[in-house]
């Protein structure tokens, strides 16, 4: 067997083991190994790091998809300077982005008059949580209550509440 056959056999094994991060970077890492004379342990570390990074990236992407955002909002898109009330609450809102409220089991509640950016800021915070690999569901209160009522009627409320 030559090196190309060994590499393709290894790629097949990585595919069957469902290790796409390793599979995608294997050839590049082997090239670096030849140029820099990396040890076997260094190559394995790099392969594992790539797999871990790939899994985290896919998990975050899946979390964002599962959250059902109608549109993606981020805090850098929000203009805090248009309203004096927004300016006043800027630091308080940005403090929520450390997500420490999640560990405490608390939920932030956005209250205010229409058009002040409550929904935008809530979605922005939810997107931040997704990017930290936290599970989020983005929905309106009426829709959530309707879904929960329908699940209660169909006997699937426990399943929905766990989700």
Protein backbone atom coordinates (compact mmCIF):
# COMPACT_ATOMS: atom_id res chain seq x y z
CA UNK A 1 0.00 0.00 0.00
CA UNK A 2 1.21 3.49 -0.76
CA UNK A 3 0.59 6.69 1.21
CA UNK A 4 -2.41 7.73 -0.92
CA UNK A 5 -4.10 4.36 -0.34
CA UNK A 6 -3.45 4.60 3.39
CA UNK A 7 -4.83 8.14 3.46
CA UNK A 8 -7.98 7.22 1.54
CA UNK A 9 -8.49 4.20 3.81
CA UNK A 10 -8.16 6.51 6.83
CA UNK A 11 -10.64 8.97 5.27
CA UNK A 12 -13.10 6.09 4.83
CA UNK A 13 -12.67 5.12 8.47
CA UNK A 14 -13.19 8.70 9.62
CA UNK A 15 -16.34 8.84 7.50
CA UNK A 16 -17.72 5.62 8.98
CA UNK A 17 -16.88 6.84 12.50
CA UNK A 18 -18.66 10.13 11.77
CA UNK A 19 -15.66 12.36 12.37
CA UNK A 20 -16.14 15.05 9.70
CA UNK A 21 -13.81 17.59 11.31
CA UNK A 22 -10.92 15.16 11.19
CA UNK A 23 -11.83 14.04 7.70
CA UNK A 24 -11.94 17.59 6.35
CA UNK A 25 -8.51 18.55 7.67
CA UNK A 26 -6.62 15.25 7.52
CA UNK A 27 -4.75 15.96 4.28
CA UNK A 28 -3.80 19.48 5.36
CA UNK A 29 -2.52 18.27 8.71
CA UNK A 30 -0.52 15.50 7.04
CA UNK A 31 1.06 18.10 4.75
CA UNK A 32 1.99 20.23 7.76
CA UNK A 33 3.34 17.13 9.45
CA UNK A 34 5.68 16.50 6.51
CA UNK A 35 6.88 20.11 6.36
CA UNK A 36 7.32 20.69 10.09
CA UNK A 37 8.20 17.12 11.06
CA UNK A 38 5.41 16.90 13.64
CA UNK A 39 5.27 13.97 16.02
CA UNK A 40 2.43 11.48 15.91
CA UNK A 41 1.09 12.93 19.14
CA UNK A 42 1.06 16.47 17.70
CA UNK A 43 -0.82 15.23 14.62
CA UNK A 44 -3.39 13.48 16.83
CA UNK A 45 -3.82 16.62 18.93
CA UNK A 46 -4.42 18.71 15.83
CA UNK A 47 -6.91 16.20 14.43
CA UNK A 48 -8.81 16.09 17.73
CA UNK A 49 -8.81 19.89 17.99
CA UNK A 50 -10.25 20.16 14.49
CA UNK A 51 -12.96 17.62 15.29
CA UNK A 52 -13.89 19.42 18.51
CA UNK A 53 -14.02 22.78 16.73
CA UNK A 54 -16.13 21.31 13.92
CA UNK A 55 -18.60 19.77 16.37
CA UNK A 56 -18.95 23.02 18.29
CA UNK A 57 -19.53 24.94 15.06
CA UNK A 58 -22.21 22.47 13.94
CA UNK A 59 -23.86 22.48 17.39
CA UNK A 60 -24.09 26.28 17.38
CA UNK A 61 -25.48 26.24 13.84
CA UNK A 62 -28.06 23.65 14.91
CA UNK A 63 -29.01 25.69 18.00
CA UNK A 64 -29.60 28.77 15.84
CA UNK A 65 -31.71 26.75 13.41
CA UNK A 66 -33.72 25.08 16.20
CA UNK A 67 -34.41 28.45 17.86
CA UNK A 68 -36.68 29.35 14.89
CA UNK A 69 -35.57 32.97 14.66
CA UNK A 70 -37.75 34.88 12.17
CA UNK A 71 -34.64 36.98 11.53
CA UNK A 72 -31.18 37.13 13.06
CA UNK A 73 -30.58 40.18 15.26
CA UNK A 74 -27.27 41.05 16.90
CA UNK A 75 -26.55 43.77 19.43
CA UNK A 76 -24.10 45.55 17.10
CA UNK A 77 -27.03 46.22 14.72
CA UNK A 78 -29.00 48.04 17.45
CA UNK A 79 -28.78 51.84 17.74
CA UNK A 80 -28.82 52.73 21.42
CA UNK A 81 -28.24 56.43 20.69
CA UNK A 82 -31.60 57.22 19.04
CA UNK A 83 -33.54 57.45 22.31
CA UNK A 84 -32.52 58.70 25.79
CA UNK A 85 -34.20 55.68 27.40
CA UNK A 86 -32.15 53.33 25.22
CA UNK A 87 -28.96 55.13 26.22
CA UNK A 88 -29.83 54.78 29.89
CA UNK A 89 -30.49 51.03 29.64
CA UNK A 90 -27.51 50.23 27.38
CA UNK A 91 -25.11 49.11 30.12
CA UNK A 92 -27.83 47.14 31.87
CA UNK A 93 -28.72 45.31 28.66
CA UNK A 94 -25.12 44.63 27.68
CA UNK A 95 -24.52 43.12 31.13
CA UNK A 96 -27.04 40.41 30.19
CA UNK A 97 -24.68 39.24 27.42
CA UNK A 98 -22.49 37.43 29.94
CA UNK A 99 -25.46 35.01 30.23
CA UNK A 100 -24.96 34.56 33.98
CA UNK A 101 -28.76 34.71 34.43
CA UNK A 102 -28.99 31.28 32.78
CA UNK A 103 -26.96 29.62 35.54
CA UNK A 104 -29.23 31.24 38.11
CA UNK A 105 -32.35 29.94 36.36
CA UNK A 106 -33.72 33.41 35.73
CA UNK A 107 -35.16 34.93 32.59
CA UNK A 108 -34.91 38.56 31.56
CA UNK A 109 -38.19 40.30 30.82
CA UNK A 110 -38.32 43.17 28.33
CA UNK A 111 -41.03 45.72 29.10
CA UNK A 112 -41.69 48.99 27.32
CA UNK A 113 -43.76 50.90 24.84
CA UNK A 114 -44.10 49.69 21.26
CA UNK A 115 -41.18 50.45 18.96
CA UNK A 116 -38.48 50.67 21.62
CA UNK A 117 -36.60 47.57 20.44
CA UNK A 118 -37.71 44.97 22.98
CA UNK A 119 -38.13 42.18 20.44
CA UNK A 120 -34.89 43.08 18.67
CA UNK A 121 -32.93 43.05 21.93
CA UNK A 122 -34.54 39.80 23.08
CA UNK A 123 -33.65 38.12 19.79
CA UNK A 124 -30.15 39.52 20.01
CA UNK A 125 -29.71 38.07 23.49
CA UNK A 126 -31.16 34.75 22.33
CA UNK A 127 -28.73 34.68 19.40
CA UNK A 128 -25.85 35.31 21.82
CA UNK A 129 -27.04 32.37 23.93
CA UNK A 130 -27.14 30.16 20.84
CA UNK A 131 -23.60 31.21 19.94
CA UNK A 132 -22.57 30.00 23.41
CA UNK A 133 -24.17 26.63 22.59
CA UNK A 134 -27.26 27.18 24.76
CA UNK A 135 -30.70 25.97 23.70
CA UNK A 136 -33.17 28.72 22.81
CA UNK A 137 -36.70 28.88 21.42
CA UNK A 138 -37.81 32.16 19.91
CA UNK A 139 -41.58 32.60 19.85
CA UNK A 140 -44.24 35.13 20.77
CA UNK A 141 -46.26 34.76 23.96
CA UNK A 142 -49.61 34.24 22.14
CA UNK A 143 -48.11 31.59 19.87
CA UNK A 144 -46.48 29.80 22.80
CA UNK A 145 -49.73 29.79 24.79
CA UNK A 146 -51.69 28.48 21.79
CA UNK A 147 -49.15 25.70 21.21
CA UNK A 148 -49.14 24.73 24.89
CA UNK A 149 -52.95 24.69 24.98
CA UNK A 150 -53.07 22.51 21.85
CA UNK A 151 -50.48 20.13 23.33
CA UNK A 152 -52.47 19.93 26.54
CA UNK A 153 -55.58 18.96 24.57
CA UNK A 154 -53.64 16.28 22.67
CA UNK A 155 -51.93 14.94 25.79
CA UNK A 156 -48.43 15.92 24.65
CA UNK A 157 -47.86 18.83 27.05
CA UNK A 158 -45.08 17.06 28.99
CA UNK A 159 -43.11 16.50 25.78
CA UNK A 160 -43.52 20.12 24.72
CA UNK A 161 -42.51 21.47 28.13
CA UNK A 162 -39.32 19.37 28.11
CA UNK A 163 -38.46 20.81 24.69
